[in-house]
Full PDB file with SEQRES, HELIX, SHEET, SSBOND, CRYST1, ORIGX, SCALE, CONECT and MASTER records, all heavy atoms in Angstrom:
SEQRES   1 A   31  MET ALA LYS GLY ALA LEU ASP ASP ILE ALA MET GLY SER          
SEQRES   2 A   31  GLU THR ALA PRO VAL THR ILE ILE GLU TYR ALA SER MET          
SEQRES   3 A   31  THR CYS PRO HIS CYS                                          
CRYST1    1.000    1.000    1.000  90.00  90.00  90.00 P 1           1          
ORIGX1      1.000000  0.000000  0.000000        0.00000                         
ORIGX2      0.000000  1.000000  0.000000        0.00000                         
ORIGX3      0.000000  0.000000  1.000000        0.00000                         
SCALE1      1.000000  0.000000  0.000000        0.00000                         
SCALE2      0.000000  1.000000  0.000000        0.00000                         
SCALE3      0.000000  0.000000  1.000000        0.00000                         
ATOM      1  N   MET A   1      -6.524   9.220  -0.230  1.00  0.00           N  
ATOM      2  CA  MET A   1      -6.623   8.259   0.843  1.00  0.00           C  
ATOM      3  C   MET A   1      -6.461   6.844   0.300  1.00  0.00           C  
ATOM      4  O   MET A   1      -6.423   5.911   1.058  1.00  0.00           O  
ATOM      5  CB  MET A   1      -7.927   8.321   1.577  1.00  0.00           C  
ATOM      6  CG  MET A   1      -8.152   9.656   2.291  1.00  0.00           C  
ATOM      7  SD  MET A   1      -6.749  10.038   3.478  1.00  0.00           S  
ATOM      8  CE  MET A   1      -6.905   8.723   4.540  1.00  0.00           C  
ATOM      9  N   ALA A   2      -6.280   6.701  -1.061  1.00  0.00           N  
ATOM     10  CA  ALA A   2      -6.092   5.329  -1.652  1.00  0.00           C  
ATOM     11  C   ALA A   2      -4.829   4.663  -1.062  1.00  0.00           C  
ATOM     12  O   ALA A   2      -3.900   5.377  -0.730  1.00  0.00           O  
ATOM     13  CB  ALA A   2      -6.006   5.493  -3.204  1.00  0.00           C  
ATOM     14  N   LYS A   3      -4.929   3.395  -0.841  1.00  0.00           N  
ATOM     15  CA  LYS A   3      -3.795   2.690  -0.328  1.00  0.00           C  
ATOM     16  C   LYS A   3      -2.563   2.815  -1.172  1.00  0.00           C  
ATOM     17  O   LYS A   3      -2.560   2.671  -2.400  1.00  0.00           O  
ATOM     18  CB  LYS A   3      -4.152   1.242  -0.181  1.00  0.00           C  
ATOM     19  CG  LYS A   3      -2.933   0.312   0.146  1.00  0.00           C  
ATOM     20  CD  LYS A   3      -3.132  -0.288   1.526  1.00  0.00           C  
ATOM     21  CE  LYS A   3      -2.052  -1.285   1.791  1.00  0.00           C  
ATOM     22  NZ  LYS A   3      -0.955  -0.701   2.636  1.00  0.00           N  
ATOM     23  N   GLY A   4      -1.447   3.194  -0.562  1.00  0.00           N  
ATOM     24  CA  GLY A   4      -0.186   3.328  -1.256  1.00  0.00           C  
ATOM     25  C   GLY A   4       0.785   2.288  -0.829  1.00  0.00           C  
ATOM     26  O   GLY A   4       0.467   1.203  -0.275  1.00  0.00           O  
ATOM     27  N   ALA A   5       2.075   2.491  -1.199  1.00  0.00           N  
ATOM     28  CA  ALA A   5       3.147   1.449  -0.880  1.00  0.00           C  
ATOM     29  C   ALA A   5       3.346   1.401   0.590  1.00  0.00           C  
ATOM     30  O   ALA A   5       3.835   0.384   1.043  1.00  0.00           O  
ATOM     31  CB  ALA A   5       4.349   1.859  -1.674  1.00  0.00           C  
ATOM     32  N   LEU A   6       3.122   2.459   1.339  1.00  0.00           N  
ATOM     33  CA  LEU A   6       3.306   2.469   2.730  1.00  0.00           C  
ATOM     34  C   LEU A   6       1.946   2.705   3.438  1.00  0.00           C  
ATOM     35  O   LEU A   6       1.150   3.482   2.987  1.00  0.00           O  
ATOM     36  CB  LEU A   6       4.273   3.621   3.220  1.00  0.00           C  
ATOM     37  CG  LEU A   6       5.748   3.415   2.948  1.00  0.00           C  
ATOM     38  CD1 LEU A   6       6.509   4.702   3.251  1.00  0.00           C  
ATOM     39  CD2 LEU A   6       6.361   2.266   3.821  1.00  0.00           C  
ATOM     40  N   ASP A   7       1.706   2.026   4.577  1.00  0.00           N  
ATOM     41  CA  ASP A   7       0.494   2.241   5.325  1.00  0.00           C  
ATOM     42  C   ASP A   7       0.577   3.608   6.040  1.00  0.00           C  
ATOM     43  O   ASP A   7       1.602   3.978   6.523  1.00  0.00           O  
ATOM     44  CB  ASP A   7       0.356   1.145   6.415  1.00  0.00           C  
ATOM     45  CG  ASP A   7      -0.047  -0.178   5.808  1.00  0.00           C  
ATOM     46  OD1 ASP A   7      -0.549  -0.253   4.690  1.00  0.00           O  
ATOM     47  OD2 ASP A   7       0.298  -1.223   6.414  1.00  0.00           O  
ATOM     48  N   ASP A   8      -0.546   4.321   5.973  1.00  0.00           N  
ATOM     49  CA  ASP A   8      -0.629   5.594   6.755  1.00  0.00           C  
ATOM     50  C   ASP A   8      -0.649   5.331   8.255  1.00  0.00           C  
ATOM     51  O   ASP A   8      -1.245   4.330   8.679  1.00  0.00           O  
ATOM     52  CB  ASP A   8      -1.884   6.350   6.328  1.00  0.00           C  
ATOM     53  CG  ASP A   8      -1.754   7.013   4.994  1.00  0.00           C  
ATOM     54  OD1 ASP A   8      -0.638   7.361   4.615  1.00  0.00           O  
ATOM     55  OD2 ASP A   8      -2.806   7.204   4.311  1.00  0.00           O  
ATOM     56  N   ILE A   9      -0.023   6.137   8.981  1.00  0.00           N  
ATOM     57  CA  ILE A   9      -0.114   6.163  10.469  1.00  0.00           C  
ATOM     58  C   ILE A   9      -0.826   7.386  10.849  1.00  0.00           C  
ATOM     59  O   ILE A   9      -0.260   8.511  10.794  1.00  0.00           O  
ATOM     60  CB  ILE A   9       1.303   6.029  11.101  1.00  0.00           C  
ATOM     61  CG1 ILE A   9       2.039   4.770  10.652  1.00  0.00           C  
ATOM     62  CG2 ILE A   9       1.133   6.082  12.648  1.00  0.00           C  
ATOM     63  CD1 ILE A   9       3.426   4.601  11.173  1.00  0.00           C  
ATOM     64  N   ALA A  10      -2.125   7.238  11.211  1.00  0.00           N  
ATOM     65  CA  ALA A  10      -2.879   8.389  11.458  1.00  0.00           C  
ATOM     66  C   ALA A  10      -3.023   8.764  12.883  1.00  0.00           C  
ATOM     67  O   ALA A  10      -2.894   7.868  13.767  1.00  0.00           O  
ATOM     68  CB  ALA A  10      -4.318   8.145  10.871  1.00  0.00           C  
ATOM     69  N   MET A  11      -3.311   9.997  13.197  1.00  0.00           N  
ATOM     70  CA  MET A  11      -3.571  10.463  14.527  1.00  0.00           C  
ATOM     71  C   MET A  11      -4.892  11.192  14.597  1.00  0.00           C  
ATOM     72  O   MET A  11      -5.226  11.985  13.702  1.00  0.00           O  
ATOM     73  CB  MET A  11      -2.491  11.432  14.976  1.00  0.00           C  
ATOM     74  CG  MET A  11      -2.594  11.866  16.404  1.00  0.00           C  
ATOM     75  SD  MET A  11      -1.439  13.254  16.829  1.00  0.00           S  
ATOM     76  CE  MET A  11       0.091  12.555  16.287  1.00  0.00           C  
ATOM     77  N   GLY A  12      -5.694  10.923  15.545  1.00  0.00           N  
ATOM     78  CA  GLY A  12      -6.996  11.565  15.723  1.00  0.00           C  
ATOM     79  C   GLY A  12      -8.136  10.664  15.400  1.00  0.00           C  
ATOM     80  O   GLY A  12      -7.985   9.498  14.931  1.00  0.00           O  
ATOM     81  N   SER A  13      -9.341  11.133  15.525  1.00  0.00           N  
ATOM     82  CA  SER A  13     -10.557  10.321  15.428  1.00  0.00           C  
ATOM     83  C   SER A  13     -10.806   9.912  13.931  1.00  0.00           C  
ATOM     84  O   SER A  13     -10.639  10.769  13.040  1.00  0.00           O  
ATOM     85  CB  SER A  13     -11.733  11.165  15.883  1.00  0.00           C  
ATOM     86  OG  SER A  13     -13.013  10.505  15.548  1.00  0.00           O  
ATOM     87  N   GLU A  14     -11.190   8.659  13.799  1.00  0.00           N  
ATOM     88  CA  GLU A  14     -11.549   8.194  12.463  1.00  0.00           C  
ATOM     89  C   GLU A  14     -12.759   8.924  11.880  1.00  0.00           C  
ATOM     90  O   GLU A  14     -13.007   8.842  10.658  1.00  0.00           O  
ATOM     91  CB  GLU A  14     -11.752   6.671  12.497  1.00  0.00           C  
ATOM     92  CG  GLU A  14     -10.480   5.884  12.791  1.00  0.00           C  
ATOM     93  CD  GLU A  14     -10.729   4.346  12.781  1.00  0.00           C  
ATOM     94  OE1 GLU A  14     -11.863   3.981  12.419  1.00  0.00           O  
ATOM     95  OE2 GLU A  14      -9.780   3.590  13.038  1.00  0.00           O  
ATOM     96  N   THR A  15     -13.589   9.461  12.735  1.00  0.00           N  
ATOM     97  CA  THR A  15     -14.779  10.103  12.244  1.00  0.00           C  
ATOM     98  C   THR A  15     -14.669  11.633  12.283  1.00  0.00           C  
ATOM     99  O   THR A  15     -15.649  12.369  12.097  1.00  0.00           O  
ATOM    100  CB  THR A  15     -15.951   9.732  13.240  1.00  0.00           C  
ATOM    101  OG1 THR A  15     -15.674  10.188  14.579  1.00  0.00           O  
ATOM    102  CG2 THR A  15     -16.200   8.269  13.191  1.00  0.00           C  
ATOM    103  N   ALA A  16     -13.439  12.132  12.384  1.00  0.00           N  
ATOM    104  CA  ALA A  16     -13.221  13.586  12.295  1.00  0.00           C  
ATOM    105  C   ALA A  16     -13.725  14.131  10.964  1.00  0.00           C  
ATOM    106  O   ALA A  16     -13.507  13.531   9.929  1.00  0.00           O  
ATOM    107  CB  ALA A  16     -11.722  13.890  12.494  1.00  0.00           C  
ATOM    108  N   PRO A  17     -14.321  15.260  10.982  1.00  0.00           N  
ATOM    109  CA  PRO A  17     -14.862  15.866   9.717  1.00  0.00           C  
ATOM    110  C   PRO A  17     -13.822  16.383   8.755  1.00  0.00           C  
ATOM    111  O   PRO A  17     -14.000  16.628   7.581  1.00  0.00           O  
ATOM    112  CB  PRO A  17     -15.782  16.976  10.228  1.00  0.00           C  
ATOM    113  CG  PRO A  17     -15.241  17.388  11.528  1.00  0.00           C  
ATOM    114  CD  PRO A  17     -14.728  16.119  12.166  1.00  0.00           C  
ATOM    115  N   VAL A  18     -12.589  16.597   9.367  1.00  0.00           N  
ATOM    116  CA  VAL A  18     -11.467  17.182   8.520  1.00  0.00           C  
ATOM    117  C   VAL A  18     -10.302  16.245   8.627  1.00  0.00           C  
ATOM    118  O   VAL A  18      -9.921  15.763   9.684  1.00  0.00           O  
ATOM    119  CB  VAL A  18     -11.129  18.533   9.024  1.00  0.00           C  
ATOM    120  CG1 VAL A  18      -9.914  19.109   8.249  1.00  0.00           C  
ATOM    121  CG2 VAL A  18     -12.212  19.553   8.941  1.00  0.00           C  
ATOM    122  N   THR A  19      -9.679  15.949   7.466  1.00  0.00           N  
ATOM    123  CA  THR A  19      -8.478  15.160   7.416  1.00  0.00           C  
ATOM    124  C   THR A  19      -7.373  16.050   6.820  1.00  0.00           C  
ATOM    125  O   THR A  19      -7.523  16.660   5.747  1.00  0.00           O  
ATOM    126  CB  THR A  19      -8.618  13.960   6.524  1.00  0.00           C  
ATOM    127  OG1 THR A  19      -9.634  13.093   7.102  1.00  0.00           O  
ATOM    128  CG2 THR A  19      -7.307  13.159   6.409  1.00  0.00           C  
ATOM    129  N   ILE A  20      -6.272  16.101   7.550  1.00  0.00           N  
ATOM    130  CA  ILE A  20      -5.069  16.842   7.055  1.00  0.00           C  
ATOM    131  C   ILE A  20      -3.944  15.869   6.737  1.00  0.00           C  
ATOM    132  O   ILE A  20      -3.646  15.043   7.659  1.00  0.00           O  
ATOM    133  CB  ILE A  20      -4.600  17.831   8.089  1.00  0.00           C  
ATOM    134  CG1 ILE A  20      -5.645  18.943   8.344  1.00  0.00           C  
ATOM    135  CG2 ILE A  20      -3.286  18.453   7.703  1.00  0.00           C  
ATOM    136  CD1 ILE A  20      -5.318  19.920   9.381  1.00  0.00           C  
ATOM    137  N   ILE A  21      -3.401  15.940   5.568  1.00  0.00           N  
ATOM    138  CA  ILE A  21      -2.259  15.115   5.214  1.00  0.00           C  
ATOM    139  C   ILE A  21      -1.035  16.043   5.013  1.00  0.00           C  
ATOM    140  O   ILE A  21      -1.185  17.052   4.211  1.00  0.00           O  
ATOM    141  CB  ILE A  21      -2.554  14.364   3.943  1.00  0.00           C  
ATOM    142  CG1 ILE A  21      -3.718  13.358   4.170  1.00  0.00           C  
ATOM    143  CG2 ILE A  21      -1.297  13.643   3.422  1.00  0.00           C  
ATOM    144  CD1 ILE A  21      -4.170  12.651   2.928  1.00  0.00           C  
ATOM    145  N   GLU A  22       0.022  15.768   5.676  1.00  0.00           N  
ATOM    146  CA  GLU A  22       1.232  16.537   5.536  1.00  0.00           C  
ATOM    147  C   GLU A  22       2.347  15.727   4.763  1.00  0.00           C  
ATOM    148  O   GLU A  22       2.608  14.569   5.172  1.00  0.00           O  
ATOM    149  CB  GLU A  22       1.765  17.003   6.847  1.00  0.00           C  
ATOM    150  CG  GLU A  22       3.069  17.799   6.650  1.00  0.00           C  
ATOM    151  CD  GLU A  22       3.789  18.073   7.994  1.00  0.00           C  
ATOM    152  OE1 GLU A  22       3.369  17.440   9.040  1.00  0.00           O  
ATOM    153  OE2 GLU A  22       4.742  18.839   8.053  1.00  0.00           O  
ATOM    154  N   TYR A  23       2.888  16.305   3.751  1.00  0.00           N  
ATOM    155  CA  TYR A  23       4.088  15.711   3.155  1.00  0.00           C  
ATOM    156  C   TYR A  23       5.249  16.555   3.596  1.00  0.00           C  
ATOM    157  O   TYR A  23       5.302  17.759   3.424  1.00  0.00           O  
ATOM    158  CB  TYR A  23       3.984  15.797   1.574  1.00  0.00           C  
ATOM    159  CG  TYR A  23       2.953  14.700   1.033  1.00  0.00           C  
ATOM    160  CD1 TYR A  23       1.674  15.033   0.783  1.00  0.00           C  
ATOM    161  CD2 TYR A  23       3.496  13.473   0.716  1.00  0.00           C  
ATOM    162  CE1 TYR A  23       0.830  14.076   0.292  1.00  0.00           C  
ATOM    163  CE2 TYR A  23       2.680  12.494   0.246  1.00  0.00           C  
ATOM    164  CZ  TYR A  23       1.310  12.821  -0.037  1.00  0.00           C  
ATOM    165  OH  TYR A  23       0.433  11.838  -0.500  1.00  0.00           O  
ATOM    166  N   ALA A  24       6.258  15.925   4.236  1.00  0.00           N  
ATOM    167  CA  ALA A  24       7.394  16.610   4.783  1.00  0.00           C  
ATOM    168  C   ALA A  24       8.605  15.811   4.679  1.00  0.00           C  
ATOM    169  O   ALA A  24       8.657  14.616   4.572  1.00  0.00           O  
ATOM    170  CB  ALA A  24       7.075  16.871   6.277  1.00  0.00           C  
ATOM    171  N   SER A  25       9.715  16.569   4.705  1.00  0.00           N  
ATOM    172  CA  SER A  25      11.086  15.972   4.723  1.00  0.00           C  
ATOM    173  C   SER A  25      11.678  16.267   6.030  1.00  0.00           C  
ATOM    174  O   SER A  25      11.667  17.373   6.561  1.00  0.00           O  
ATOM    175  CB  SER A  25      11.912  16.617   3.596  1.00  0.00           C  
ATOM    176  OG  SER A  25      13.241  16.166   3.645  1.00  0.00           O  
ATOM    177  N   MET A  26      12.330  15.193   6.630  1.00  0.00           N  
ATOM    178  CA  MET A  26      12.813  15.368   7.972  1.00  0.00           C  
ATOM    179  C   MET A  26      14.011  16.378   8.141  1.00  0.00           C  
ATOM    180  O   MET A  26      14.275  16.873   9.158  1.00  0.00           O  
ATOM    181  CB  MET A  26      13.271  14.008   8.551  1.00  0.00           C  
ATOM    182  CG  MET A  26      12.145  12.981   8.740  1.00  0.00           C  
ATOM    183  SD  MET A  26      10.712  13.681   9.606  1.00  0.00           S  
ATOM    184  CE  MET A  26      11.479  14.106  11.149  1.00  0.00           C  
ATOM    185  N   THR A  27      14.726  16.664   6.961  1.00  0.00           N  
ATOM    186  CA  THR A  27      15.743  17.661   7.076  1.00  0.00           C  
ATOM    187  C   THR A  27      15.365  18.988   6.617  1.00  0.00           C  
ATOM    188  O   THR A  27      16.161  19.950   6.532  1.00  0.00           O  
ATOM    189  CB  THR A  27      16.932  17.165   6.138  1.00  0.00           C  
ATOM    190  OG1 THR A  27      16.449  16.872   4.829  1.00  0.00           O  
ATOM    191  CG2 THR A  27      17.673  16.000   6.711  1.00  0.00           C  
ATOM    192  N   CYS A  28      14.074  19.223   6.324  1.00  0.00           N  
ATOM    193  CA  CYS A  28      13.537  20.478   5.844  1.00  0.00           C  
ATOM    194  C   CYS A  28      13.333  21.454   7.010  1.00  0.00           C  
ATOM    195  O   CYS A  28      12.527  21.210   7.936  1.00  0.00           O  
ATOM    196  CB  CYS A  28      12.175  20.266   5.137  1.00  0.00           C  
ATOM    197  SG  CYS A  28      11.163  21.732   4.934  1.00  0.00           S  
ATOM    198  N   PRO A  29      14.030  22.600   7.055  1.00  0.00           N  
ATOM    199  CA  PRO A  29      13.928  23.536   8.222  1.00  0.00           C  
ATOM    200  C   PRO A  29      12.567  24.126   8.305  1.00  0.00           C  
ATOM    201  O   PRO A  29      12.008  24.382   9.372  1.00  0.00           O  
ATOM    202  CB  PRO A  29      14.966  24.647   7.854  1.00  0.00           C  
ATOM    203  CG  PRO A  29      15.951  23.916   6.918  1.00  0.00           C  
ATOM    204  CD  PRO A  29      15.171  23.010   6.105  1.00  0.00           C  
ATOM    205  N   HIS A  30      11.850  24.296   7.138  1.00  0.00           N  
ATOM    206  CA  HIS A  30      10.496  24.863   7.179  1.00  0.00           C  
ATOM    207  C   HIS A  30       9.510  23.865   7.810  1.00  0.00           C  
ATOM    208  O   HIS A  30       8.587  24.264   8.483  1.00  0.00           O  
ATOM    209  CB  HIS A  30      10.037  25.236   5.765  1.00  0.00           C  
ATOM    210  CG  HIS A  30      11.030  26.172   5.044  1.00  0.00           C  
ATOM    211  ND1 HIS A  30      11.667  27.209   5.712  1.00  0.00           N  
ATOM    212  CD2 HIS A  30      11.539  26.145   3.807  1.00  0.00           C  
ATOM    213  CE1 HIS A  30      12.456  27.804   4.897  1.00  0.00           C  
ATOM    214  NE2 HIS A  30      12.427  27.183   3.706  1.00  0.00           N  
ATOM    215  N   CYS A  31       9.768  22.545   7.513  1.00  0.00           N  
ATOM    216  CA  CYS A  31       8.927  21.535   8.125  1.00  0.00           C  
ATOM    217  C   CYS A  31       9.095  21.507   9.666  1.00  0.00           C  
ATOM    218  O   CYS A  31       8.179  21.430  10.429  1.00  0.00           O  
ATOM    219  CB  CYS A  31       9.283  20.181   7.590  1.00  0.00           C  
ATOM    220  SG  CYS A  31       9.021  19.979   5.802  1.00  0.00           S  
TER     221      CYS A  31                                                      
MASTER        0    0    0    0    0    0    0    6  220    1    0    3          
END                                                                             
């Protein structure tokens, strides 16, 4: 969760007990 070169755009409650981060490529069929 450390700040990177791009700001995260998050969805869901800031107090949610679980955080899911997905790394994906827009041309990836499996994504």
